[in-house]
Amino acid sequence: MLVTKTAQQNILMIKCIVAMTLFIVTARPLFGQSTSPLPPPPHQLPPVHDSGWTKLSDPGVIVHGVDSPLNLTPSTEFPFHFSQETTDWGQELLEASTISRFRNGFYQKTSLRGGWIGKDDTGFGGSYARTNLTVAVGVPQSVVLISPTFEIDMFSGPAGLDVPNTVYATYLDIAWRHKFNSQWSSILGVRPGVFSDFESSFGSGYRTALLAALMWEVFTETLTLVGGAVYLDRNDFDILPAVGIIWVPASDLRFDLVFPKPKISKRIQHRPFVSEDWIYAAFAIGGNTYEVQRSPSIADELTLRDFRLALGIERIRDGGTGWFIEAGWVTGRRLSYEAAPAVLNFNDTFMVEMGLSF
């Protein structure tokens, strides 16, 4: 199928990005708070000592677009809290406190995100969007996160390039996070889904990704070792190691050096028990494998691959909602087919992505 009529798709995506930017800037009740909020009353303060809380990863297992095949960024707690004695909070403790990355209950958040990849000198580029809902089921020591997700990718390129105008992905992320004791925890994930242009049968479009990782908190709140593997069920990357360290030398600095998505974050603003603003640098593997129909009427498997370096800023509100904006460089861009083998390489380009959750 030849790539045609992409101008309207690009205009629509630009309008969405502009509208989201204006919304983030102008929606002060949702995104903006006073830089010096009043401390909450004593009966609303969380316990000072959180040794009984669990640090585990965000719900994402394998995420398309600028996200990675694995995101093992530990959070301060489960979606549910232990009942512990509250101690008096002084200003020093207020400033050092962290916010919760999860809500205390079943519903966690709904997320929307979209991005744009610029055309290189060959004329190949595109845009994408994703939406998902996350809920939590379980007890503090063992929680299951469930996230149904829908994605759409739209491509634009020179006449004669044999790729679909649009491909889709619909899948269900299920992640089970379990704490064995104060130092050891694990995460197991499965992602069944369909990745296709929806113009051919669902034979090879159905794929299942798997994740298994073990986490050892060597020094409480400071150093965590991660070891495991992720099965992507892609034609380019089948199995990847999930290994690295998570080092938090200070409450406002994080080194999430876990392959395949390392990330370095620096907190630039902190409103105790309200929100935090962070700037970050991250690496991610983009792309996926889709079942598509090539011209003329040839069923095949299309694999897109790239590597992304991004700089961004994000606001994380207490409970895990918030927004982010990032820009970066895209390299190692490749398009390949399986049934009628063909490989095309593209030059480096740039990207912009933003999103919000509520």
Protein backbone atom coordinates (compact mmCIF):
# COMPACT_ATOMS: atom_id res chain seq x y z
CA MET A 1 0.00 0.00 0.00
CA LEU A 2 1.48 3.34 -1.02
CA VAL A 3 1.72 6.09 1.56
CA THR A 4 -0.69 8.83 0.47
CA LYS A 5 -2.88 11.54 1.99
CA THR A 6 -0.67 12.06 5.00
CA ALA A 7 -0.93 15.84 5.15
CA GLN A 8 -4.26 15.70 7.01
CA GLN A 9 -2.82 13.24 9.51
CA ASN A 10 0.14 15.51 10.26
CA ILE A 11 -2.10 18.58 10.61
CA LEU A 12 -4.39 16.69 12.99
CA MET A 13 -1.45 15.56 15.12
CA ILE A 14 0.01 19.09 15.27
CA LYS A 15 -3.39 20.43 16.39
CA CYS A 16 -3.55 17.79 19.14
CA ILE A 17 -0.05 18.68 20.37
CA VAL A 18 -0.81 22.43 20.36
CA ALA A 19 -4.13 21.87 22.16
CA MET A 20 -2.47 19.71 24.81
CA THR A 21 0.27 22.30 25.34
CA LEU A 22 -2.27 25.10 25.81
CA PHE A 23 -4.23 22.93 28.20
CA ILE A 24 -1.16 22.18 30.33
CA VAL A 25 -0.17 25.87 30.44
CA THR A 26 -3.62 27.28 31.19
CA ALA A 27 -5.25 24.64 33.39
CA ARG A 28 -3.91 25.99 36.68
CA PRO A 29 -6.44 24.19 38.90
CA LEU A 30 -5.29 20.85 37.52
CA PHE A 31 -1.54 21.35 37.08
CA GLY A 32 -0.49 24.31 39.18
CA GLN A 33 -0.16 24.59 42.93
CA SER A 34 1.36 27.08 45.29
CA THR A 35 5.10 26.59 45.62
CA SER A 36 4.71 26.69 49.42
CA PRO A 37 1.55 24.78 50.33
CA LEU A 38 0.44 24.64 53.96
CA PRO A 39 1.47 21.42 55.72
CA PRO A 40 -1.45 18.98 56.03
CA PRO A 41 -3.07 18.50 59.43
CA PRO A 42 -1.44 15.84 61.65
CA HIS A 43 -4.18 13.26 61.14
CA GLN A 44 -3.55 13.33 57.35
CA LEU A 45 0.21 12.87 57.53
CA PRO A 46 1.65 9.54 56.37
CA PRO A 47 3.94 7.65 58.75
CA VAL A 48 7.52 8.89 59.02
CA HIS A 49 9.04 5.42 58.78
CA ASP A 50 8.12 3.61 55.56
CA SER A 51 10.21 0.47 56.03
CA GLY A 52 7.01 -1.54 55.63
CA TRP A 53 6.20 0.05 52.29
CA THR A 54 7.22 -1.64 49.09
CA LYS A 55 9.40 -0.17 46.35
CA LEU A 56 8.59 -1.73 43.02
CA SER A 57 8.22 -0.74 39.39
CA ASP A 58 5.70 1.25 37.43
CA PRO A 59 2.98 -0.80 35.71
CA GLY A 60 4.46 -0.57 32.20
CA VAL A 61 5.99 -3.78 30.88
CA ILE A 62 6.53 -3.16 27.19
CA VAL A 63 5.45 0.21 25.88
CA HIS A 64 5.45 1.40 22.30
CA GLY A 65 6.68 4.78 21.09
CA VAL A 66 9.25 6.57 23.19
CA ASP A 67 8.61 4.24 26.11
CA SER A 68 10.75 1.21 26.61
CA PRO A 69 10.41 -2.54 26.62
CA LEU A 70 10.85 -2.34 30.36
CA ASN A 71 10.38 0.33 32.98
CA LEU A 72 11.70 -0.71 36.38
CA THR A 73 11.53 2.62 38.19
CA PRO A 74 10.81 1.84 41.85
CA SER A 75 7.99 3.70 43.54
CA THR A 76 7.73 4.67 47.17
CA GLU A 77 4.81 2.40 47.93
CA PHE A 78 2.07 0.07 46.80
CA PRO A 79 -1.40 1.38 45.93
CA PHE A 80 -2.36 0.50 49.52
CA HIS A 81 -0.78 1.71 52.75
CA PHE A 82 0.12 -0.08 55.94
CA SER A 83 -1.31 1.35 59.15
CA GLN A 84 1.60 2.75 61.15
CA GLU A 85 2.07 5.26 63.92
CA THR A 86 2.39 8.87 62.82
CA THR A 87 5.19 11.02 64.25
CA ASP A 88 5.45 14.81 64.40
CA TRP A 89 6.61 16.35 61.12
CA GLY A 90 9.15 19.14 61.19
CA GLN A 91 10.16 21.31 58.25
CA GLU A 92 13.20 19.12 57.50
CA LEU A 93 11.04 16.01 57.18
CA LEU A 94 8.50 17.88 55.06
CA GLU A 95 11.19 18.93 52.62
CA ALA A 96 12.65 15.42 52.42
CA SER A 97 9.31 13.67 52.04
CA THR A 98 8.36 12.01 48.78
CA ILE A 99 4.97 11.75 47.16
CA SER A 100 3.07 8.56 46.47
CA ARG A 101 3.28 7.17 42.92
CA PHE A 102 0.01 5.27 43.41
CA ARG A 103 -3.48 5.96 44.64
CA ASN A 104 -4.84 4.15 47.65
CA GLY A 105 -7.54 2.11 45.96
CA PHE A 106 -8.77 0.25 42.89
CA TYR A 107 -8.67 3.02 40.25
CA GLN A 108 -5.15 4.31 39.61
CA LYS A 109 -5.19 6.58 36.56
CA THR A 110 -6.10 7.18 32.92
CA SER A 111 -3.25 8.24 30.63
CA LEU A 112 -3.12 10.00 27.26
CA ARG A 113 0.04 10.63 25.26
CA GLY A 114 1.04 11.52 21.74
CA GLY A 115 4.17 12.27 19.75
CA TRP A 116 5.62 13.30 16.42
CA ILE A 117 8.73 12.02 14.64
CA GLY A 118 10.15 14.44 12.07
CA LYS A 119 10.92 13.42 8.51
CA ASP A 120 14.51 12.72 7.55
CA ASP A 121 15.96 13.64 4.15
CA THR A 122 14.20 10.60 2.63
CA GLY A 123 10.85 12.02 3.67
CA PHE A 124 9.90 9.28 6.15
CA GLY A 125 8.32 10.33 9.45
CA GLY A 126 5.15 9.90 11.44
CA SER A 127 3.08 10.48 14.54
CA TYR A 128 1.50 8.32 17.21
CA ALA A 129 -0.94 8.36 20.14
CA ARG A 130 -1.74 6.08 23.05
CA THR A 131 -4.39 5.82 25.76
CA ASN A 132 -4.73 3.42 28.67
CA LEU A 133 -6.46 2.86 31.99
CA THR A 134 -4.78 1.35 35.08
CA VAL A 135 -6.44 -0.37 38.03
CA ALA A 136 -4.97 -2.25 41.01
CA VAL A 137 -6.16 -5.40 42.78
CA GLY A 138 -4.59 -7.11 45.77
CA VAL A 139 -3.04 -6.54 49.19
CA PRO A 140 -0.01 -4.43 50.16
CA GLN A 141 2.44 -7.33 49.87
CA SER A 142 1.09 -8.56 46.55
CA VAL A 143 -0.61 -6.31 44.00
CA VAL A 144 -1.78 -6.93 40.42
CA LEU A 145 -1.87 -3.91 38.07
CA ILE A 146 -4.13 -4.20 35.00
CA SER A 147 -3.86 -1.74 32.08
CA PRO A 148 -5.92 -2.10 28.88
CA THR A 149 -4.22 0.00 26.16
CA PHE A 150 -4.89 1.21 22.63
CA GLU A 151 -2.25 2.71 20.27
CA ILE A 152 -2.25 4.17 16.78
CA ASP A 153 0.75 4.98 14.58
CA MET A 154 0.47 7.05 11.41
CA PHE A 155 3.27 7.15 8.83
CA SER A 156 4.19 9.61 6.13
CA GLY A 157 6.82 9.14 3.47
CA PRO A 158 7.80 9.44 -0.16
CA ALA A 159 5.61 8.03 -2.92
CA GLY A 160 6.38 4.40 -3.56
CA LEU A 161 7.33 3.50 0.00
CA ASP A 162 5.50 0.25 0.67
CA VAL A 163 4.19 0.77 4.21
CA PRO A 164 0.64 1.16 5.56
CA ASN A 165 -0.69 4.60 6.33
CA THR A 166 -1.69 3.43 9.81
CA VAL A 167 -1.02 0.53 12.18
CA TYR A 168 -2.71 -0.24 15.49
CA ALA A 169 -1.99 -2.03 18.75
CA THR A 170 -4.51 -3.11 21.35
CA TYR A 171 -3.33 -5.11 24.33
CA LEU A 172 -3.74 -5.84 28.04
CA ASP A 173 -0.86 -5.29 30.47
CA ILE A 174 -1.01 -7.46 33.59
CA ALA A 175 1.79 -6.99 36.14
CA TRP A 176 2.03 -8.86 39.43
CA ARG A 177 4.32 -7.26 41.99
CA HIS A 178 5.17 -9.21 45.13
CA LYS A 179 7.28 -8.37 48.20
CA PHE A 180 9.01 -11.29 49.91
CA ASN A 181 10.59 -9.33 52.75
CA SER A 182 12.17 -5.94 53.48
CA GLN A 183 14.86 -6.45 50.81
CA TRP A 184 13.57 -8.83 48.12
CA SER A 185 10.71 -8.28 45.70
CA SER A 186 9.71 -9.45 42.24
CA ILE A 187 7.64 -8.44 39.25
CA LEU A 188 6.02 -10.73 36.68
CA GLY A 189 4.24 -9.33 33.65
CA VAL A 190 2.32 -10.56 30.62
CA ARG A 191 1.02 -8.58 27.63
CA PRO A 192 -1.35 -10.35 25.20
CA GLY A 193 -2.39 -8.18 22.27
CA VAL A 194 -3.02 -7.65 18.58
CA PHE A 195 -0.57 -5.57 16.49
CA SER A 196 -1.86 -5.04 12.96
CA ASP A 197 -3.09 -2.67 10.28
CA PHE A 198 -6.49 -4.40 10.70
CA GLU A 199 -6.64 -5.04 6.96
CA SER A 200 -5.39 -8.63 7.09
CA SER A 201 -6.16 -11.65 9.27
CA PHE A 202 -5.11 -11.73 12.93
CA GLY A 203 -2.91 -14.82 12.45
CA SER A 204 0.54 -13.37 13.12
CA GLY A 205 -0.78 -10.09 14.50
CA TYR A 206 -1.43 -11.69 17.89
CA ARG A 207 1.63 -11.44 20.14
CA THR A 208 2.37 -12.03 23.81
CA ALA A 209 5.18 -10.32 25.69
CA LEU A 210 6.50 -11.53 29.05
CA LEU A 211 8.55 -10.01 31.87
CA ALA A 212 10.25 -11.51 34.93
CA ALA A 213 12.57 -9.60 37.25
CA LEU A 214 13.93 -9.87 40.79
CA MET A 215 14.87 -6.79 42.83
CA TRP A 216 17.26 -6.71 45.81
CA GLU A 217 17.29 -3.55 47.91
CA VAL A 218 20.89 -3.65 49.10
CA PHE A 219 20.72 -0.37 51.03
CA THR A 220 17.30 0.88 52.10
CA GLU A 221 16.08 3.79 50.00
CA THR A 222 19.49 4.08 48.30
CA LEU A 223 20.67 1.14 46.19
CA THR A 224 18.65 -1.59 44.45
CA LEU A 225 19.96 -4.32 42.13
CA VAL A 226 17.70 -5.59 39.33
CA GLY A 227 18.03 -8.84 37.39
CA GLY A 228 15.68 -10.51 34.94
CA ALA A 229 14.61 -10.76 31.32
CA VAL A 230 11.89 -9.49 29.01
CA TYR A 231 10.46 -11.47 26.08
CA LEU A 232 9.31 -8.95 23.46
CA ASP A 233 7.93 -11.32 20.80
CA ARG A 234 9.27 -9.00 18.08
CA ASN A 235 11.06 -10.04 14.89
CA ASP A 236 14.09 -7.86 15.64
CA PHE A 237 14.42 -8.21 19.42
CA ASP A 238 13.12 -11.46 20.87
CA ILE A 239 14.57 -11.61 24.40
CA LEU A 240 16.46 -8.83 26.18
CA PRO A 241 18.09 -8.79 29.62
CA ALA A 242 16.50 -6.63 32.28
CA VAL A 243 19.50 -5.82 34.47
CA GLY A 244 21.00 -2.84 36.21
CA ILE A 245 21.05 -0.76 39.36
CA ILE A 246 18.81 1.90 40.84
CA TRP A 247 20.82 4.42 42.85
CA VAL A 248 19.20 7.24 44.82
CA PRO A 249 22.04 9.22 46.44
CA ALA A 250 19.64 11.99 47.51
CA SER A 251 15.89 12.57 47.61
CA ASP A 252 16.17 14.89 44.61
CA LEU A 253 18.45 12.75 42.40
CA ARG A 254 17.83 9.33 40.83
CA PHE A 255 19.91 7.03 38.60
CA ASP A 256 17.62 4.34 37.15
CA LEU A 257 20.39 2.56 35.26
CA VAL A 258 18.34 -0.48 34.23
CA PHE A 259 18.62 -1.81 30.68
CA PRO A 260 16.80 -1.49 28.32
CA LYS A 261 15.55 1.88 29.64
CA PRO A 262 18.12 3.79 31.67
CA LYS A 263 17.02 7.14 33.04
CA ILE A 264 18.65 9.88 35.10
CA SER A 265 16.31 12.29 36.93
CA LYS A 266 16.81 15.48 38.92
CA ARG A 267 14.05 17.01 41.03
CA ILE A 268 13.77 20.75 40.51
CA GLN A 269 10.71 21.58 42.60
CA HIS A 270 9.05 19.88 45.54
CA ARG A 271 5.67 20.59 47.15
CA PRO A 272 5.37 18.19 50.11
CA PHE A 273 2.42 15.78 49.75
CA VAL A 274 1.25 17.66 46.63
CA SER A 275 3.58 17.23 43.63
CA GLU A 276 7.16 17.12 42.35
CA ASP A 277 8.75 18.49 39.17
CA TRP A 278 11.64 16.55 37.60
CA ILE A 279 13.92 16.98 34.61
CA TYR A 280 15.38 13.83 33.09
CA ALA A 281 17.45 12.20 30.37
CA ALA A 282 16.39 8.79 29.08
CA PHE A 283 17.17 6.14 26.48
CA ALA A 284 14.47 3.92 24.92
CA ILE A 285 13.94 1.35 22.18
CA GLY A 286 11.08 2.28 19.87
CA GLY A 287 9.05 0.34 17.34
CA ASN A 288 7.27 -3.00 17.20
CA THR A 289 6.23 -5.84 14.86
CA TYR A 290 2.85 -5.67 13.07
CA GLU A 291 0.87 -7.89 10.74
CA VAL A 292 0.14 -5.85 7.60
CA GLN A 293 -1.03 -6.17 4.03
CA ARG A 294 1.54 -5.06 1.46
CA SER A 295 0.86 -4.02 -2.09
CA PRO A 296 -0.41 -5.91 -4.01
CA SER A 297 -2.36 -7.90 -1.36
CA ILE A 298 0.64 -9.61 0.24
CA ALA A 299 0.29 -10.59 3.90
CA ASP A 300 3.54 -9.84 5.73
CA GLU A 301 5.06 -8.79 9.05
CA LEU A 302 6.36 -5.25 9.31
CA THR A 303 8.97 -4.46 11.96
CA LEU A 304 9.89 -0.89 12.86
CA ARG A 305 12.91 -0.19 15.05
CA ASP A 306 14.72 2.87 16.37
CA PHE A 307 16.69 4.09 19.39
CA ARG A 308 15.72 7.29 21.19
CA LEU A 309 17.59 9.73 23.40
CA ALA A 310 15.27 12.21 25.10
CA LEU A 311 15.37 15.15 27.51
CA GLY A 312 12.17 15.97 29.34
CA ILE A 313 10.35 17.59 32.21
CA GLU A 314 7.54 15.98 34.18
CA ARG A 315 5.22 16.81 37.04
CA ILE A 316 4.16 13.93 39.26
CA ARG A 317 1.23 14.65 41.52
CA ASP A 318 0.58 12.75 44.72
CA GLY A 319 -1.20 9.58 43.61
CA GLY A 320 0.82 9.13 40.41
CA THR A 321 -1.00 11.44 37.99
CA GLY A 322 0.58 14.41 36.21
CA TRP A 323 2.04 15.41 32.86
CA PHE A 324 5.28 15.39 30.88
CA ILE A 325 6.87 17.00 27.80
CA GLU A 326 10.04 15.70 26.15
CA ALA A 327 12.10 16.11 23.00
CA GLY A 328 14.90 13.99 21.67
CA TRP A 329 16.98 12.43 18.92
CA VAL A 330 15.98 9.29 17.01
CA THR A 331 18.71 7.10 15.52
CA GLY A 332 19.15 3.55 14.20
CA ARG A 333 15.87 3.80 12.28
CA ARG A 334 15.00 0.68 10.31
CA LEU A 335 12.01 -0.85 8.52
CA SER A 336 11.99 -4.55 7.59
CA TYR A 337 9.64 -7.22 6.21
CA GLU A 338 9.62 -11.00 6.75
CA ALA A 339 7.60 -12.85 4.08
CA ALA A 340 9.05 -10.89 1.14
CA PRO A 341 12.34 -9.84 2.78
CA ALA A 342 13.19 -6.18 2.51
CA VAL A 343 15.16 -3.85 4.79
CA LEU A 344 15.21 -0.07 4.61
CA ASN A 345 17.39 2.15 6.77
CA PHE A 346 16.58 5.79 7.46
CA ASN A 347 18.61 8.72 8.69
CA ASP A 348 18.50 10.28 12.13
CA THR A 349 15.74 12.71 13.00
CA PHE A 350 14.11 14.38 16.01
CA MET A 351 10.97 13.74 18.04
CA VAL A 352 8.57 15.47 20.42
CA GLU A 353 6.22 13.74 22.84
CA MET A 354 3.86 14.84 25.60
CA GLY A 355 1.21 13.29 27.77
CA LEU A 356 -0.96 13.61 30.84
CA SER A 357 -2.65 11.29 33.32
CA PHE A 358 -5.56 11.89 35.65
